[in-house]
Amino acid sequence: MATGTTLQDAETATRRTAQSASHGVSFRFNGLPREVRDLIWEATLPPGRVFHVSGSHDIPETRRRPPSVPPTQSFKFYVHHPPPVITRVCGESRAVALRRGFFISSRKDSPGVWFGPERDILYFDRNMRYLFKTREGKPLVSVEGLDRVLNVGVGWRAWFRDVPRLLPGEDMRHHWRAAIDPLFLYAPRLQTINFILPKVRHVGGVTFGREAYGAVNFPCELVPLPETTNLPWDKMPRPGSPGTALLTGGTTYLTTWKAIRREMERSLEVAEGDEEALAEDEWGHVLEGRERDMPRVLGWWLLRVGAPTNYEQQQVREFSS
């Protein structure tokens, strides 16, 4: 009898303990050290994303400015990635989000876009290269937040427009330097320059190399570009429009991504005794980026998540090499 009572009491105690554990115990997040809470908040931040710039707009508050001060603009994007959840949980979580990133493209009628400079890429296609115009070595506009961007992506057609075909034995550094230097003027903290090649693109005509119609409205996904990938690179180092051979049915010259990347990297190197030459180049001064570690040059296939694959009505194909 005593044994039965003891077993019954033990079962009752166990049941009460289980009920207490399921109803009465809570995780005391605020009791954790601040450093641990910050790590937990940071773990909720999204992985790297690609922000494809669709244009820019003036910030009204800066329209009245002295003529010597460039206008201030902010970006517009094809796809607006939602801000991380922690931007709206509490003051502490939002503070973590603002330490790890910042809002760009904010207007009175828009909440803005949160950008994480360590992970995210700001992507400019050929149509948006005008945003990097310079005059006498100075930016023509001031873009909010661009000086904090670490990773810039530029579509291959934008480079194709500015840089001639790589000729055997010719030093192409000055061509690449002229194309790359404006990036440092606008984004002096640059850590990576990303060469972005759409995997699905037009194969001829005036739309050569462009993405399929409507593809820009779908999220970007980047896949490493193999070194052996061949790219049409037909602009010759003389006056003329890029891609002339492609538009007129002439010979198409192919250049591997490995060769293109090598020339880009060489243009970033400061050769021994070249410091004075840099100070007197066409941009008028030594760029801050030259005093920092050399940015990495990376190549990517650009995929569009969820984009339609029916291209019968367009001169479009998917490339694999």
Protein backbone atom coordinates (compact mmCIF):
# COMPACT_ATOMS: atom_id res chain seq x y z
CA MET A 1 0.00 0.00 0.00
CA ALA A 2 2.76 2.37 0.89
CA THR A 3 4.51 1.47 -2.33
CA GLY A 4 1.34 2.15 -4.36
CA THR A 5 0.89 5.50 -2.70
CA THR A 6 4.49 6.43 -3.41
CA LEU A 7 4.16 5.56 -7.13
CA GLN A 8 0.92 7.50 -7.38
CA ASP A 9 2.49 10.51 -5.71
CA ALA A 10 5.48 10.31 -8.07
CA GLU A 11 3.24 10.17 -11.15
CA THR A 12 1.26 13.14 -9.89
CA ALA A 13 4.40 15.12 -9.21
CA THR A 14 5.75 14.31 -12.68
CA ARG A 15 2.50 15.39 -14.32
CA ARG A 16 2.44 18.64 -12.37
CA THR A 17 6.08 19.31 -13.27
CA ALA A 18 5.32 18.78 -16.98
CA GLN A 19 2.33 21.13 -16.80
CA SER A 20 4.44 23.70 -15.03
CA ALA A 21 7.15 23.43 -17.68
CA SER A 22 4.66 23.88 -20.52
CA HIS A 23 2.76 26.80 -19.00
CA GLY A 24 4.96 28.56 -16.52
CA VAL A 25 8.47 28.69 -18.00
CA SER A 26 9.44 31.48 -20.43
CA PHE A 27 12.66 32.37 -22.23
CA ARG A 28 14.03 35.52 -20.62
CA PHE A 29 15.56 37.16 -23.70
CA ASN A 30 16.08 40.46 -21.90
CA GLY A 31 18.08 38.64 -19.26
CA LEU A 32 20.78 37.74 -21.76
CA PRO A 33 23.89 39.93 -22.04
CA ARG A 34 23.54 42.74 -24.58
CA GLU A 35 26.29 41.25 -26.76
CA VAL A 36 24.39 37.94 -27.01
CA ARG A 37 21.12 39.70 -27.82
CA ASP A 38 22.85 41.65 -30.59
CA LEU A 39 24.18 38.41 -32.10
CA ILE A 40 20.67 36.94 -32.07
CA TRP A 41 19.23 40.03 -33.78
CA GLU A 42 22.00 39.96 -36.39
CA ALA A 43 21.29 36.28 -37.13
CA THR A 44 17.84 37.29 -38.39
CA LEU A 45 19.23 39.61 -41.08
CA PRO A 46 18.68 38.43 -44.68
CA PRO A 47 21.47 36.88 -46.79
CA GLY A 48 23.08 38.90 -49.55
CA ARG A 49 20.65 40.41 -52.06
CA VAL A 50 21.02 42.23 -55.38
CA PHE A 51 19.43 45.68 -55.70
CA HIS A 52 18.99 46.39 -59.42
CA VAL A 53 18.86 50.17 -59.87
CA SER A 54 16.08 51.37 -62.19
CA GLY A 55 16.73 55.11 -61.94
CA SER A 56 17.17 58.00 -59.57
CA HIS A 57 15.15 60.93 -58.26
CA ASP A 58 16.00 64.28 -56.76
CA ILE A 59 15.55 64.75 -53.04
CA PRO A 60 13.22 67.77 -52.75
CA GLU A 61 14.93 69.17 -49.66
CA THR A 62 18.17 69.64 -51.62
CA ARG A 63 16.85 71.27 -54.78
CA ARG A 64 17.65 74.72 -53.45
CA ARG A 65 21.41 74.62 -53.28
CA PRO A 66 24.41 76.72 -54.31
CA PRO A 67 25.49 76.10 -57.92
CA SER A 68 28.80 74.68 -56.71
CA VAL A 69 27.06 71.93 -54.72
CA PRO A 70 26.00 68.89 -56.79
CA PRO A 71 22.33 67.87 -56.52
CA THR A 72 21.48 65.08 -54.10
CA GLN A 73 19.61 62.10 -55.47
CA SER A 74 18.40 58.73 -54.28
CA PHE A 75 17.90 55.46 -56.13
CA LYS A 76 14.84 53.67 -57.43
CA PHE A 77 14.82 49.88 -57.83
CA TYR A 78 13.07 47.33 -60.00
CA VAL A 79 12.50 45.01 -57.03
CA HIS A 80 11.95 46.39 -53.52
CA HIS A 81 13.24 43.83 -51.07
CA PRO A 82 11.30 44.15 -47.80
CA PRO A 83 13.25 45.54 -44.82
CA PRO A 84 14.37 42.98 -42.22
CA VAL A 85 11.84 42.15 -39.53
CA ILE A 86 14.12 43.53 -36.82
CA THR A 87 13.71 47.06 -38.20
CA ARG A 88 10.24 47.09 -36.63
CA VAL A 89 10.37 44.77 -33.58
CA CYS A 90 11.68 47.18 -30.95
CA GLY A 91 14.14 50.00 -30.47
CA GLU A 92 17.02 47.67 -29.64
CA SER A 93 16.51 45.47 -32.71
CA ARG A 94 16.15 48.48 -35.00
CA ALA A 95 19.40 49.92 -33.62
CA VAL A 96 21.16 46.67 -34.60
CA ALA A 97 19.69 46.88 -38.11
CA LEU A 98 20.90 50.47 -38.47
CA ARG A 99 24.39 49.51 -37.31
CA ARG A 100 24.59 46.76 -39.92
CA GLY A 101 22.89 48.67 -42.71
CA PHE A 102 21.02 51.81 -43.69
CA PHE A 103 17.95 52.99 -45.57
CA ILE A 104 18.23 54.31 -49.11
CA SER A 105 15.64 55.49 -51.61
CA SER A 106 13.59 57.04 -48.83
CA ARG A 107 10.98 59.66 -49.70
CA LYS A 108 8.01 61.05 -47.85
CA ASP A 109 5.72 58.66 -49.76
CA SER A 110 8.02 55.63 -49.35
CA PRO A 111 9.41 53.83 -46.27
CA GLY A 112 12.74 53.32 -48.03
CA VAL A 113 14.85 50.26 -48.70
CA TRP A 114 17.19 48.72 -46.13
CA PHE A 115 20.61 47.93 -47.57
CA GLY A 116 23.27 45.81 -45.84
CA PRO A 117 26.62 46.98 -47.28
CA GLU A 118 28.61 43.91 -46.18
CA ARG A 119 26.31 41.44 -47.96
CA ASP A 120 24.22 43.28 -50.55
CA ILE A 121 25.20 44.34 -54.07
CA LEU A 122 24.10 47.54 -55.79
CA TYR A 123 23.66 46.58 -59.46
CA PHE A 124 23.79 48.97 -62.43
CA ASP A 125 23.01 47.85 -65.96
CA ARG A 126 24.08 49.69 -69.10
CA ASN A 127 21.15 52.11 -68.96
CA MET A 128 22.16 53.25 -65.48
CA ARG A 129 25.83 53.98 -66.15
CA TYR A 130 24.93 57.66 -66.58
CA LEU A 131 24.64 57.82 -62.79
CA PHE A 132 28.46 57.65 -62.62
CA LYS A 133 29.15 60.65 -64.82
CA THR A 134 31.99 62.92 -63.75
CA ARG A 135 33.36 66.30 -64.70
CA GLU A 136 36.94 67.33 -64.02
CA GLY A 137 37.39 64.42 -61.66
CA LYS A 138 34.32 65.20 -59.56
CA PRO A 139 30.89 63.55 -59.35
CA LEU A 140 28.05 65.39 -61.08
CA VAL A 141 25.57 64.33 -58.41
CA SER A 142 25.63 63.24 -54.79
CA VAL A 143 23.77 59.98 -54.17
CA GLU A 144 22.57 59.26 -50.65
CA GLY A 145 24.30 56.23 -49.14
CA LEU A 146 26.50 55.40 -52.13
CA ASP A 147 29.62 56.33 -50.20
CA ARG A 148 28.78 53.49 -47.77
CA VAL A 149 28.31 50.82 -50.44
CA LEU A 150 31.02 48.13 -50.48
CA ASN A 151 29.86 45.92 -53.36
CA VAL A 152 28.95 47.33 -56.78
CA GLY A 153 27.76 45.23 -59.71
CA VAL A 154 27.90 46.47 -63.30
CA GLY A 155 26.25 44.72 -66.23
CA TRP A 156 28.59 43.40 -68.90
CA ARG A 157 27.04 45.61 -71.61
CA ALA A 158 28.07 48.69 -69.64
CA TRP A 159 31.73 47.60 -69.75
CA PHE A 160 31.30 46.48 -73.35
CA ARG A 161 30.28 50.01 -74.27
CA ASP A 162 33.37 51.64 -72.77
CA VAL A 163 36.18 49.15 -73.30
CA PRO A 164 37.48 47.96 -76.70
CA ARG A 165 38.10 44.35 -77.60
CA LEU A 166 41.18 42.94 -75.91
CA LEU A 167 43.88 42.89 -78.57
CA PRO A 168 46.88 40.53 -78.29
CA GLY A 169 49.88 42.28 -76.83
CA GLU A 170 48.10 45.58 -76.19
CA ASP A 171 48.02 47.11 -72.72
CA MET A 172 44.34 47.68 -72.00
CA ARG A 173 44.80 49.08 -68.50
CA HIS A 174 44.07 52.68 -69.47
CA HIS A 175 40.77 51.66 -71.09
CA TRP A 176 39.67 49.72 -68.02
CA ARG A 177 40.93 52.38 -65.64
CA ALA A 178 38.87 55.05 -67.41
CA ALA A 179 35.79 52.83 -67.05
CA ILE A 180 36.40 51.83 -63.43
CA ASP A 181 37.69 55.07 -61.87
CA PRO A 182 34.24 56.75 -61.66
CA LEU A 183 33.12 53.92 -59.38
CA PHE A 184 35.74 55.00 -56.83
CA LEU A 185 34.61 58.62 -56.99
CA TYR A 186 31.06 57.66 -56.04
CA ALA A 187 31.83 54.61 -53.87
CA PRO A 188 35.27 55.22 -52.28
CA ARG A 189 34.91 52.25 -49.88
CA LEU A 190 34.49 49.75 -52.69
CA GLN A 191 35.57 46.21 -51.77
CA THR A 192 34.25 44.19 -54.72
CA ILE A 193 33.59 45.02 -58.37
CA ASN A 194 31.08 42.52 -59.72
CA PHE A 195 30.94 41.76 -63.44
CA ILE A 196 27.37 40.58 -64.06
CA LEU A 197 26.38 38.60 -67.16
CA PRO A 198 22.70 37.68 -67.71
CA LYS A 199 22.38 33.98 -68.45
CA VAL A 200 19.28 34.63 -70.57
CA ARG A 201 19.72 37.46 -73.06
CA HIS A 202 19.01 38.67 -76.59
CA VAL A 203 21.24 37.27 -79.33
CA GLY A 204 21.04 39.93 -82.04
CA GLY A 205 19.80 43.28 -83.29
CA VAL A 206 19.79 46.52 -81.33
CA THR A 207 18.68 44.61 -78.22
CA PHE A 208 21.80 42.41 -78.34
CA GLY A 209 22.88 41.32 -74.87
CA ARG A 210 19.85 42.68 -73.05
CA GLU A 211 17.73 40.59 -70.74
CA ALA A 212 14.40 39.23 -71.88
CA TYR A 213 11.49 41.67 -71.78
CA GLY A 214 10.11 42.02 -68.25
CA ALA A 215 12.90 40.00 -66.62
CA VAL A 216 14.13 43.00 -64.61
CA ASN A 217 10.98 42.82 -62.49
CA PHE A 218 12.03 39.48 -60.98
CA PRO A 219 14.55 39.01 -58.13
CA CYS A 220 18.21 38.47 -59.03
CA GLU A 221 20.22 35.39 -58.16
CA LEU A 222 23.97 35.27 -58.79
CA VAL A 223 25.97 32.15 -59.68
CA PRO A 224 29.79 32.23 -60.09
CA LEU A 225 30.86 32.83 -63.70
CA PRO A 226 33.33 30.16 -64.93
CA GLU A 227 36.66 31.50 -66.19
CA THR A 228 36.17 29.72 -69.51
CA THR A 229 32.93 31.55 -70.33
CA ASN A 230 33.20 33.28 -73.72
CA LEU A 231 31.82 36.77 -74.16
CA PRO A 232 31.31 38.64 -77.46
CA TRP A 233 33.62 41.65 -77.26
CA ASP A 234 33.54 43.39 -80.64
CA LYS A 235 34.23 47.06 -80.04
CA MET A 236 37.52 47.98 -81.68
CA PRO A 237 39.83 50.69 -80.25
CA ARG A 238 38.74 53.30 -82.74
CA PRO A 239 35.67 55.58 -83.09
CA GLY A 240 32.49 53.62 -83.58
CA SER A 241 29.59 52.05 -81.76
CA PRO A 242 30.16 48.93 -79.67
CA GLY A 243 28.86 45.72 -81.15
CA THR A 244 29.02 46.98 -84.75
CA ALA A 245 30.03 43.55 -86.03
CA LEU A 246 27.06 41.96 -84.32
CA LEU A 247 24.59 44.46 -85.74
CA THR A 248 25.90 44.24 -89.30
CA GLY A 249 26.42 40.51 -89.47
CA GLY A 250 30.21 40.72 -89.29
CA THR A 251 32.63 38.49 -87.45
CA THR A 252 31.98 38.00 -83.75
CA TYR A 253 35.07 37.92 -81.55
CA LEU A 254 34.94 36.05 -78.28
CA THR A 255 36.97 36.82 -75.16
CA THR A 256 37.05 34.61 -72.08
CA TRP A 257 35.97 35.94 -68.72
CA LYS A 258 39.40 34.96 -67.39
CA ALA A 259 41.11 37.36 -69.83
CA ILE A 260 38.67 40.18 -69.09
CA ARG A 261 39.06 39.78 -65.34
CA ARG A 262 42.84 39.79 -65.65
CA GLU A 263 42.74 43.14 -67.48
CA MET A 264 40.35 44.60 -64.91
CA GLU A 265 42.61 43.53 -62.05
CA ARG A 266 45.69 44.93 -63.79
CA SER A 267 43.96 48.28 -64.16
CA LEU A 268 43.47 48.40 -60.37
CA GLU A 269 47.11 47.79 -59.61
CA VAL A 270 49.36 50.78 -58.96
CA ALA A 271 52.63 50.02 -60.66
CA GLU A 272 55.91 51.06 -59.07
CA GLY A 273 56.57 54.73 -59.79
CA ASP A 274 53.04 55.23 -61.11
CA GLU A 275 51.77 57.37 -58.20
CA GLU A 276 52.59 60.65 -59.92
CA ALA A 277 50.94 59.50 -63.13
CA LEU A 278 47.77 58.75 -61.22
CA ALA A 279 47.79 62.23 -59.73
CA GLU A 280 47.85 63.67 -63.24
CA ASP A 281 45.40 61.35 -64.95
CA GLU A 282 42.25 62.50 -66.71
CA TRP A 283 40.30 62.51 -63.46
CA GLY A 284 42.63 65.12 -61.98
CA HIS A 285 43.59 63.52 -58.70
CA VAL A 286 44.50 60.30 -56.92
CA LEU A 287 41.37 58.45 -55.96
CA GLU A 288 40.86 57.44 -52.34
CA GLY A 289 40.25 53.88 -53.43
CA ARG A 290 43.81 53.62 -54.69
CA GLU A 291 45.07 54.15 -51.15
CA ARG A 292 43.05 51.21 -49.86
CA ASP A 293 43.27 47.48 -50.45
CA MET A 294 42.61 46.58 -54.05
CA PRO A 295 38.97 45.55 -54.57
CA ARG A 296 38.28 42.01 -55.67
CA VAL A 297 36.93 41.50 -59.19
CA LEU A 298 34.19 38.86 -59.28
CA GLY A 299 32.17 37.46 -62.17
CA TRP A 300 28.58 36.20 -61.98
CA TRP A 301 25.88 34.64 -64.08
CA LEU A 302 22.65 36.58 -63.46
CA LEU A 303 19.54 34.43 -63.05
CA ARG A 304 15.99 35.72 -62.59
CA VAL A 305 14.03 33.82 -59.96
CA GLY A 306 10.49 33.10 -61.18
CA ALA A 307 10.89 34.73 -64.61
CA PRO A 308 9.01 33.04 -67.48
CA THR A 309 11.02 30.78 -69.78
CA ASN A 310 8.86 31.02 -72.91
CA TYR A 311 11.02 33.08 -75.26
CA GLU A 312 9.57 32.07 -78.65
CA GLN A 313 8.40 35.62 -79.30
CA GLN A 314 11.83 37.13 -78.62
CA GLN A 315 15.33 36.63 -79.99
CA VAL A 316 16.40 35.32 -76.61
CA ARG A 317 18.32 32.26 -75.52
CA GLU A 318 19.88 30.82 -72.38
CA PHE A 319 23.67 30.64 -72.44
CA SER A 320 25.78 28.07 -70.63
CA SER A 321 29.32 28.96 -71.75
